[in-house]
Amino acid sequence: MWPRIPTLYIQTASRISLNRLLKRQFDKLKAGLVLDVGAKRSSCRDVVPHTHFLSLDIDPLSNPDICCDIHDLKWESNYFDTVVSIEVLEHLRDPGRAISQT
């Protein structure tokens, strides 16, 4: 069996650049009610200004605050001040519908 190589867990240069870009955008937001969609382990909680932070995932094993399909989100319009969805849209059958739900 091969030993584990610790460098496999180092973020790529593109991910580091994306995180920097996202942090600059998040810094422009006002604190409010934030919904993090599809986050099993939210990395946004520490960088998105919020007064209340909720996670949403379709997988109940990820223990989200809201467990549902983003295509069928049942909230009134403009309920959330900020919706964060990083690396989620490419996994959806209808990304446009999901975006219109939030």
Protein backbone atom coordinates (compact mmCIF):
# COMPACT_ATOMS: atom_id res chain seq x y z
CA MET A 1 0.00 0.00 0.00
CA TRP A 2 1.25 3.46 -0.92
CA PRO A 3 1.73 6.05 1.81
CA ARG A 4 -0.52 9.09 1.76
CA ILE A 5 1.03 12.10 0.14
CA PRO A 6 0.12 15.22 2.14
CA THR A 7 0.43 17.51 -0.91
CA LEU A 8 -2.79 16.00 -2.31
CA TYR A 9 -4.71 18.20 0.12
CA ILE A 10 -3.13 21.48 -0.92
CA GLN A 11 -5.51 23.81 -2.76
CA THR A 12 -4.81 24.39 -6.42
CA ALA A 13 -3.69 27.80 -7.64
CA SER A 14 -7.03 28.26 -9.42
CA ARG A 15 -8.94 27.50 -6.20
CA ILE A 16 -6.81 29.92 -4.22
CA SER A 17 -7.49 32.61 -6.87
CA LEU A 18 -11.22 31.87 -6.79
CA ASN A 19 -11.30 32.12 -2.99
CA ARG A 20 -9.56 35.50 -3.14
CA LEU A 21 -12.03 36.78 -5.74
CA LEU A 22 -15.00 35.50 -3.73
CA LYS A 23 -13.68 37.06 -0.53
CA ARG A 24 -13.45 40.47 -2.24
CA GLN A 25 -17.07 40.12 -3.42
CA PHE A 26 -18.30 38.88 -0.03
CA ASP A 27 -16.65 41.87 1.67
CA LYS A 28 -19.07 44.12 -0.26
CA LEU A 29 -22.17 42.44 1.24
CA LYS A 30 -24.20 43.64 4.20
CA ALA A 31 -24.83 41.16 6.99
CA GLY A 32 -28.21 39.45 6.75
CA LEU A 33 -29.90 36.10 6.26
CA VAL A 34 -27.61 33.89 4.16
CA LEU A 35 -28.48 30.63 2.44
CA ASP A 36 -25.57 28.40 1.41
CA VAL A 37 -26.83 25.93 -1.21
CA GLY A 38 -25.25 22.53 -1.60
CA ALA A 39 -22.66 22.95 1.09
CA LYS A 40 -21.82 19.79 2.97
CA ARG A 41 -19.12 21.66 4.85
CA SER A 42 -19.62 25.33 4.33
CA SER A 43 -16.41 27.23 3.81
CA CYS A 44 -18.42 30.44 3.38
CA ARG A 45 -19.67 30.78 6.94
CA ASP A 46 -16.45 32.49 8.01
CA VAL A 47 -16.23 34.91 5.07
CA VAL A 48 -19.84 35.88 4.22
CA PRO A 49 -21.23 38.60 6.49
CA HIS A 50 -24.38 37.27 8.12
CA THR A 51 -26.78 37.72 10.99
CA HIS A 52 -28.14 34.21 10.41
CA PHE A 53 -26.62 31.47 8.25
CA LEU A 54 -28.52 28.47 6.85
CA SER A 55 -27.24 25.56 4.78
CA LEU A 56 -29.32 23.72 2.19
CA ASP A 57 -28.54 20.32 0.71
CA ILE A 58 -30.51 17.53 -0.94
CA ASP A 59 -28.54 14.93 1.06
CA PRO A 60 -29.90 14.48 4.61
CA LEU A 61 -26.62 12.82 5.63
CA SER A 62 -24.86 16.16 5.25
CA ASN A 63 -27.07 17.43 8.10
CA PRO A 64 -28.20 20.69 6.44
CA ASP A 65 -30.48 23.22 8.09
CA ILE A 66 -32.84 22.81 5.11
CA CYS A 67 -33.04 19.48 3.33
CA CYS A 68 -34.70 19.80 -0.08
CA ASP A 69 -34.13 19.94 -3.82
CA ILE A 70 -33.13 23.45 -4.90
CA HIS A 71 -35.39 23.09 -7.93
CA ASP A 72 -38.40 23.07 -5.59
CA LEU A 73 -37.45 25.62 -2.97
CA LYS A 74 -40.62 26.98 -1.33
CA TRP A 75 -39.72 30.42 0.00
CA GLU A 76 -41.22 33.79 -0.73
CA SER A 77 -39.30 36.01 -3.15
CA ASN A 78 -36.37 37.95 -1.67
CA TYR A 79 -36.59 36.05 1.63
CA PHE A 80 -32.82 35.61 1.81
CA ASP A 81 -30.48 38.57 1.73
CA THR A 82 -27.69 36.49 0.17
CA VAL A 83 -27.67 33.09 -1.54
CA VAL A 84 -24.31 31.40 -2.02
CA SER A 85 -24.01 28.47 -4.41
CA ILE A 86 -20.43 27.48 -5.15
CA GLU A 87 -19.75 24.47 -7.38
CA VAL A 88 -23.43 23.45 -7.41
CA LEU A 89 -25.03 24.65 -10.64
CA GLU A 90 -23.11 22.22 -12.85
CA HIS A 91 -24.75 19.32 -10.97
CA LEU A 92 -28.35 20.45 -11.53
CA ARG A 93 -30.76 19.24 -14.21
CA ASP A 94 -32.17 22.77 -14.67
CA PRO A 95 -29.83 25.46 -13.31
CA GLY A 96 -32.05 28.29 -14.57
CA ARG A 97 -35.01 27.01 -12.58
CA ALA A 98 -32.87 26.62 -9.49
CA ILE A 99 -31.62 30.20 -9.77
CA SER A 100 -35.17 31.50 -10.19
CA GLN A 101 -36.18 29.69 -6.99
CA THR A 102 -33.79 31.69 -4.89
